[in-house]
Structure formats: structure tokens, C-alpha cells
N, C-alpha and C. Protein backbone atom coordinates (compact mmCIF):
# COMPACT_ATOMS: atom_id res chain seq x y z
N MET A 1 122.84 159.83 -24.50
CA MET A 1 122.89 161.03 -25.39
C MET A 1 123.41 160.45 -26.82
N ARG A 2 122.82 161.12 -27.68
CA ARG A 2 123.33 160.87 -29.16
C ARG A 2 124.31 161.81 -29.67
N ILE A 3 125.38 161.33 -30.24
CA ILE A 3 126.41 162.30 -30.78
C ILE A 3 126.24 162.40 -32.07
N VAL A 4 126.19 163.75 -32.69
CA VAL A 4 125.89 163.95 -34.07
C VAL A 4 126.94 164.84 -34.69
N ASN A 5 127.24 164.70 -35.84
CA ASN A 5 128.17 165.52 -36.55
C ASN A 5 127.56 165.69 -38.01
N THR A 6 128.19 166.49 -38.92
CA THR A 6 127.63 166.77 -40.22
C THR A 6 128.73 166.39 -41.10
N THR A 7 128.12 166.17 -42.43
CA THR A 7 129.17 165.80 -43.40
C THR A 7 129.83 166.97 -44.12
N CYS A 8 129.51 168.21 -43.59
CA CYS A 8 130.25 169.40 -44.13
C CYS A 8 131.50 169.52 -43.42
N ILE A 9 132.04 168.64 -42.60
CA ILE A 9 133.39 168.69 -42.00
C ILE A 9 134.37 168.21 -43.08
N PHE A 10 133.83 167.69 -44.14
CA PHE A 10 134.61 167.07 -45.19
C PHE A 10 134.57 168.07 -46.34
N PRO A 11 135.59 168.12 -47.26
CA PRO A 11 135.48 168.95 -48.42
C PRO A 11 134.25 168.83 -49.30
N LYS A 12 133.80 169.91 -49.93
CA LYS A 12 132.66 169.84 -50.89
C LYS A 12 132.80 168.84 -51.90
N GLY A 13 131.94 167.95 -52.11
CA GLY A 13 132.00 166.87 -53.09
C GLY A 13 132.57 165.61 -52.42
N TYR A 14 132.97 165.53 -51.30
CA TYR A 14 133.59 164.28 -50.73
C TYR A 14 132.74 163.20 -50.67
N ASP A 15 133.16 162.03 -51.02
CA ASP A 15 132.22 160.85 -51.23
C ASP A 15 131.37 160.73 -49.94
N ILE A 16 130.14 160.77 -50.22
CA ILE A 16 129.07 160.58 -49.16
C ILE A 16 129.22 159.35 -48.29
N PHE A 17 129.41 158.25 -49.02
CA PHE A 17 129.73 157.01 -48.37
C PHE A 17 130.83 156.90 -47.41
N LYS A 18 131.92 157.50 -47.98
CA LYS A 18 133.21 157.47 -47.13
C LYS A 18 132.91 158.53 -45.95
N ALA A 19 132.29 159.56 -46.21
CA ALA A 19 131.93 160.38 -45.05
C ALA A 19 131.11 159.79 -43.93
N LEU A 20 130.12 159.02 -44.39
CA LEU A 20 129.25 158.31 -43.47
C LEU A 20 130.07 157.38 -42.49
N ASP A 21 130.96 156.51 -43.28
CA ASP A 21 131.83 155.62 -42.65
C ASP A 21 132.73 156.17 -41.65
N ARG A 22 133.32 157.47 -42.07
CA ARG A 22 134.27 158.06 -41.35
C ARG A 22 133.62 158.52 -40.02
N LEU A 23 132.47 159.22 -40.11
CA LEU A 23 131.70 159.67 -39.04
C LEU A 23 131.39 158.52 -38.06
N LYS A 24 130.86 157.42 -38.55
CA LYS A 24 130.66 156.28 -37.74
C LYS A 24 131.79 155.73 -37.03
N SER A 25 132.90 155.63 -37.65
CA SER A 25 134.11 155.16 -37.09
C SER A 25 134.71 156.10 -36.11
N ALA A 26 134.39 157.28 -36.20
CA ALA A 26 134.91 158.31 -35.22
C ALA A 26 133.94 158.39 -34.02
N GLY A 27 132.94 157.53 -34.03
CA GLY A 27 132.06 157.46 -32.84
C GLY A 27 130.70 158.27 -32.75
N PHE A 28 130.39 158.66 -33.98
CA PHE A 28 129.16 159.44 -34.13
C PHE A 28 127.96 158.39 -34.40
N ASP A 29 126.91 158.65 -33.76
CA ASP A 29 125.71 157.87 -33.80
C ASP A 29 124.79 158.38 -34.84
N VAL A 30 124.78 159.66 -35.07
CA VAL A 30 123.76 160.33 -35.87
C VAL A 30 124.45 161.35 -36.76
N ALA A 31 123.99 161.20 -38.06
CA ALA A 31 124.59 162.30 -39.14
C ALA A 31 123.68 163.30 -39.61
N ASP A 32 124.14 164.42 -39.95
CA ASP A 32 123.57 165.56 -40.53
C ASP A 32 124.16 165.57 -41.91
N ILE A 33 123.38 165.43 -43.02
CA ILE A 33 123.84 165.33 -44.33
C ILE A 33 123.81 166.90 -44.98
N ALA A 34 124.98 167.35 -45.34
CA ALA A 34 124.97 168.57 -45.93
C ALA A 34 124.88 168.66 -47.45
N LEU A 35 123.69 168.62 -47.84
CA LEU A 35 123.30 168.41 -49.19
C LEU A 35 123.81 169.64 -50.09
N ASP A 36 124.00 170.74 -49.49
CA ASP A 36 124.59 171.90 -50.26
C ASP A 36 125.97 171.74 -50.63
N TYR A 37 126.71 170.74 -50.04
CA TYR A 37 128.02 170.38 -50.27
C TYR A 37 128.09 169.46 -51.54
N TYR A 38 127.04 169.03 -52.11
CA TYR A 38 126.96 168.09 -53.23
C TYR A 38 126.30 168.75 -54.49
N VAL A 39 126.15 169.98 -54.39
CA VAL A 39 125.56 170.64 -55.70
C VAL A 39 126.50 171.07 -56.69
N GLU A 40 127.64 171.51 -56.27
CA GLU A 40 128.68 172.05 -57.20
C GLU A 40 129.52 170.86 -57.78
N THR A 41 129.08 169.60 -57.61
CA THR A 41 129.79 168.49 -58.18
C THR A 41 128.90 167.79 -59.27
N ASN A 42 129.35 166.88 -59.87
CA ASN A 42 128.51 166.02 -60.76
C ASN A 42 128.13 164.70 -60.18
N GLY A 43 127.97 164.67 -58.78
CA GLY A 43 127.62 163.53 -58.02
C GLY A 43 126.34 163.22 -58.12
N GLY A 44 125.96 162.27 -57.14
CA GLY A 44 124.68 161.74 -56.90
C GLY A 44 123.56 162.60 -56.80
N PHE A 45 123.70 163.46 -55.89
CA PHE A 45 122.53 164.43 -55.55
C PHE A 45 122.00 165.34 -56.87
N VAL A 46 123.06 165.64 -57.67
CA VAL A 46 122.61 166.53 -58.81
C VAL A 46 122.41 165.72 -60.13
N SER A 47 122.56 164.27 -60.07
CA SER A 47 122.46 163.55 -61.29
C SER A 47 120.84 163.06 -61.59
N ASP A 48 120.75 162.56 -62.73
CA ASP A 48 119.30 162.16 -63.17
C ASP A 48 118.93 160.93 -62.26
N GLY A 49 119.99 160.29 -61.66
CA GLY A 49 119.56 159.13 -60.80
C GLY A 49 119.56 159.47 -59.43
N TRP A 50 119.32 160.63 -59.04
CA TRP A 50 119.55 161.07 -57.66
C TRP A 50 118.58 160.39 -56.71
N ARG A 51 117.35 159.85 -57.09
CA ARG A 51 116.53 159.12 -56.30
C ARG A 51 117.20 157.68 -55.91
N GLU A 52 117.66 157.03 -56.90
CA GLU A 52 118.47 155.92 -56.57
C GLU A 52 119.69 156.04 -55.79
N TRP A 53 120.31 157.20 -55.94
CA TRP A 53 121.61 157.63 -54.90
C TRP A 53 121.07 157.76 -53.64
N THR A 54 119.90 158.30 -53.55
CA THR A 54 119.34 158.69 -52.14
C THR A 54 118.98 157.41 -51.42
N MET A 55 118.49 156.44 -52.08
CA MET A 55 118.14 155.17 -51.44
C MET A 55 119.48 154.49 -51.08
N GLU A 56 120.53 154.56 -51.82
CA GLU A 56 121.79 154.02 -51.59
C GLU A 56 122.39 154.58 -50.38
N VAL A 57 122.16 155.94 -50.16
CA VAL A 57 122.77 156.61 -48.88
C VAL A 57 121.95 156.04 -47.66
N LYS A 58 120.64 156.02 -47.90
CA LYS A 58 119.85 155.57 -46.83
C LYS A 58 120.36 154.10 -46.34
N LYS A 59 120.42 153.26 -47.32
CA LYS A 59 120.79 151.74 -47.01
C LYS A 59 122.12 151.66 -46.52
N HIS A 60 123.01 152.50 -47.01
CA HIS A 60 124.43 152.46 -46.41
C HIS A 60 124.44 152.99 -44.89
N ALA A 61 123.70 154.01 -44.75
CA ALA A 61 123.69 154.46 -43.29
C ALA A 61 123.10 153.42 -42.38
N GLU A 62 121.97 152.73 -42.71
CA GLU A 62 121.32 151.67 -42.05
C GLU A 62 122.34 150.42 -41.84
N SER A 63 123.09 150.14 -42.83
CA SER A 63 123.98 148.97 -42.65
C SER A 63 125.14 149.35 -41.77
N ILE A 64 125.49 150.52 -41.47
CA ILE A 64 126.63 150.73 -40.69
C ILE A 64 126.08 151.29 -39.29
N GLY A 65 124.65 151.35 -39.07
CA GLY A 65 124.07 151.76 -37.82
C GLY A 65 124.12 153.21 -37.59
N LEU A 66 124.14 154.04 -38.49
CA LEU A 66 124.32 155.46 -38.42
C LEU A 66 122.94 156.11 -38.77
N GLU A 67 122.32 156.78 -37.87
CA GLU A 67 120.97 157.49 -38.04
C GLU A 67 121.05 158.72 -38.83
N LEU A 68 120.27 158.90 -39.88
CA LEU A 68 120.28 160.09 -40.54
C LEU A 68 118.98 160.97 -39.97
N TYR A 69 119.28 161.83 -39.10
CA TYR A 69 118.33 162.60 -38.33
C TYR A 69 117.91 164.01 -39.03
N GLN A 70 118.97 164.63 -39.59
CA GLN A 70 118.75 166.07 -40.03
C GLN A 70 119.66 166.11 -41.31
N CYS A 71 119.25 167.17 -42.21
CA CYS A 71 120.21 167.43 -43.29
C CYS A 71 120.02 168.99 -43.42
N HIS A 72 121.08 169.46 -44.15
CA HIS A 72 121.00 170.83 -44.56
C HIS A 72 120.59 170.97 -45.95
N GLY A 73 119.59 171.45 -46.41
CA GLY A 73 119.03 171.49 -47.69
C GLY A 73 119.85 172.61 -48.64
N VAL A 74 119.38 172.81 -49.62
CA VAL A 74 119.95 173.79 -50.46
C VAL A 74 119.03 175.05 -50.60
N GLY A 75 119.42 176.16 -50.04
CA GLY A 75 118.58 177.26 -50.03
C GLY A 75 119.30 178.45 -50.88
N LEU A 76 118.63 179.00 -51.67
CA LEU A 76 119.29 180.08 -52.60
C LEU A 76 118.43 181.36 -52.53
N PRO A 77 118.88 182.45 -52.95
CA PRO A 77 118.29 183.62 -52.86
C PRO A 77 116.75 183.62 -53.52
N GLU A 78 116.17 184.83 -53.30
CA GLU A 78 114.78 185.00 -53.75
C GLU A 78 114.51 184.38 -55.20
N GLY A 79 113.28 183.82 -55.42
CA GLY A 79 112.92 183.28 -56.72
C GLY A 79 113.45 181.84 -57.04
N PHE A 80 114.23 181.32 -56.08
CA PHE A 80 114.84 179.80 -56.36
C PHE A 80 113.64 178.93 -56.09
N TYR A 81 112.70 179.11 -55.31
CA TYR A 81 111.83 178.10 -54.90
C TYR A 81 110.55 178.02 -55.86
N ASN A 82 110.81 178.66 -57.01
CA ASN A 82 109.58 178.69 -57.98
C ASN A 82 109.47 177.47 -58.78
N ASN A 83 110.47 176.48 -58.86
CA ASN A 83 110.49 175.33 -59.75
C ASN A 83 110.59 174.10 -58.84
N PRO A 84 109.61 173.22 -58.73
CA PRO A 84 109.68 172.05 -58.00
C PRO A 84 110.80 171.10 -58.26
N ASN A 85 111.42 171.31 -59.38
CA ASN A 85 112.64 170.41 -59.92
C ASN A 85 113.91 171.06 -59.33
N ASP A 86 113.86 172.25 -58.73
CA ASP A 86 115.12 172.76 -58.11
C ASP A 86 115.65 171.93 -56.98
N TYR A 87 116.90 172.16 -56.65
CA TYR A 87 117.60 171.49 -55.54
C TYR A 87 117.01 171.72 -54.22
N ALA A 88 116.29 172.78 -53.98
CA ALA A 88 115.73 172.97 -52.71
C ALA A 88 114.49 171.96 -52.46
N TYR A 89 113.70 171.64 -53.42
CA TYR A 89 112.76 170.72 -53.33
C TYR A 89 113.29 169.36 -53.48
N ARG A 90 114.38 169.11 -54.02
CA ARG A 90 114.99 167.91 -54.24
C ARG A 90 115.53 167.52 -52.82
N GLY A 91 116.14 168.43 -52.01
CA GLY A 91 116.53 168.28 -50.75
C GLY A 91 115.37 167.83 -49.83
N LEU A 92 114.17 168.42 -49.97
CA LEU A 92 113.07 168.11 -49.12
C LEU A 92 112.67 166.62 -49.40
N GLU A 93 112.67 166.31 -50.70
CA GLU A 93 112.34 164.89 -51.02
C GLU A 93 113.28 163.92 -50.57
N PHE A 94 114.60 164.20 -50.62
CA PHE A 94 115.66 163.52 -50.14
C PHE A 94 115.46 163.19 -48.56
N ALA A 95 115.08 164.32 -47.88
CA ALA A 95 114.75 164.04 -46.37
C ALA A 95 113.59 163.03 -46.23
N GLY A 96 112.51 163.20 -47.01
CA GLY A 96 111.34 162.18 -46.97
C GLY A 96 111.64 160.83 -47.22
N MET A 97 112.48 160.65 -48.27
CA MET A 97 112.97 159.33 -48.69
C MET A 97 113.77 158.64 -47.61
N THR A 98 114.58 159.37 -46.92
CA THR A 98 115.61 158.84 -45.87
C THR A 98 115.11 158.68 -44.61
N GLY A 99 113.86 159.30 -44.30
CA GLY A 99 113.42 159.50 -43.00
C GLY A 99 113.94 160.56 -42.17
N ILE A 100 114.56 161.52 -42.76
CA ILE A 100 115.19 162.64 -42.02
C ILE A 100 114.05 163.60 -41.52
N LYS A 101 114.18 163.80 -40.29
CA LYS A 101 112.94 164.68 -39.69
C LYS A 101 113.25 166.19 -39.78
N TRP A 102 114.40 166.72 -39.98
CA TRP A 102 114.58 168.07 -39.99
C TRP A 102 115.51 168.51 -41.07
N VAL A 103 115.06 169.55 -41.71
CA VAL A 103 115.88 170.09 -42.87
C VAL A 103 116.17 171.54 -42.56
N VAL A 104 117.41 171.83 -42.44
CA VAL A 104 117.83 173.22 -42.10
C VAL A 104 118.14 173.87 -43.50
N MET A 105 117.59 175.09 -43.63
CA MET A 105 117.93 175.94 -44.90
C MET A 105 118.47 177.23 -44.63
N HIS A 106 119.51 177.44 -45.33
CA HIS A 106 120.19 178.67 -45.29
C HIS A 106 120.28 179.40 -46.69
N PRO A 107 119.67 180.49 -46.86
CA PRO A 107 120.01 181.20 -48.10
C PRO A 107 121.48 181.15 -48.43
N GLN A 108 121.74 180.87 -49.62
CA GLN A 108 123.15 180.97 -50.07
C GLN A 108 123.23 181.06 -51.55
N GLU A 109 124.28 181.27 -52.16
CA GLU A 109 124.72 181.41 -53.51
C GLU A 109 125.47 180.30 -54.02
N ILE A 110 125.19 179.77 -55.08
CA ILE A 110 126.03 178.47 -55.57
C ILE A 110 126.38 178.91 -57.03
N LYS A 111 127.59 178.58 -57.32
CA LYS A 111 128.09 178.92 -58.79
C LYS A 111 127.27 178.65 -59.81
N GLY A 112 126.92 179.54 -60.73
CA GLY A 112 126.09 179.20 -61.85
C GLY A 112 124.60 179.33 -61.59
N ARG A 113 124.16 179.57 -60.44
CA ARG A 113 122.81 179.67 -60.08
C ARG A 113 122.55 181.09 -59.53
N THR A 114 121.42 181.64 -59.70
CA THR A 114 121.08 182.93 -59.20
C THR A 114 119.71 182.81 -58.39
């Protein structure tokens, strides 16, 4: 049996690398990355260097033996998916780059976005 937990158990914007370390040290084998928790920050997921950040996340998870199996993408109300540069599409690319097999999408509102 694989034991899974999600990074959304930590506060929004909590350092992803520390979150992965804490999950692993608590005995979890697999992680769900809550990408929606990284949108309202100025962190890696929303930065211009988000692809490099994504690869750092992947390498870090591999280095500590934590499988990235699923993520929660960023889903917003109607009209959000019109631009391939939006965070919804970025989340899908994040999944592809890290080898994540499943992306969960929940419609939600995020400050400053409609």
C-alpha cells in the first residue's frame, strides 16, 4: 500500500521543498501537489522561471524518494481556459514535466482573477 498526502495540508505559499521533505519524513511515499496553493504567491509556479522551478521540484522529490503521482491544478470559472498561458494550462504542463499521472481540477476563484 502506498500512503499519499497533499501539500495543501500546509498554508498557502508554504515552501514546496520543505513541504515535500515534511511529507516524506512523516512517512508518506507519494505526494499530491496542490498547485492552486501556489498561485496567490510570487513563488516558482507563477514566476517566469516556472519550468525551471518545476524541474527542481521533480528532482527534489526524486532525491528524497517521494513519488509525485497526482496534483491539484488551478481551475477557475467559465472563460478561464481560453488562454494557453493561464495557470490551468501551466498546471497540466507541470504534470507532464514531472510525470504526474492525474490532475484534479476544481472550479475556484483566486484573488485578482475572474
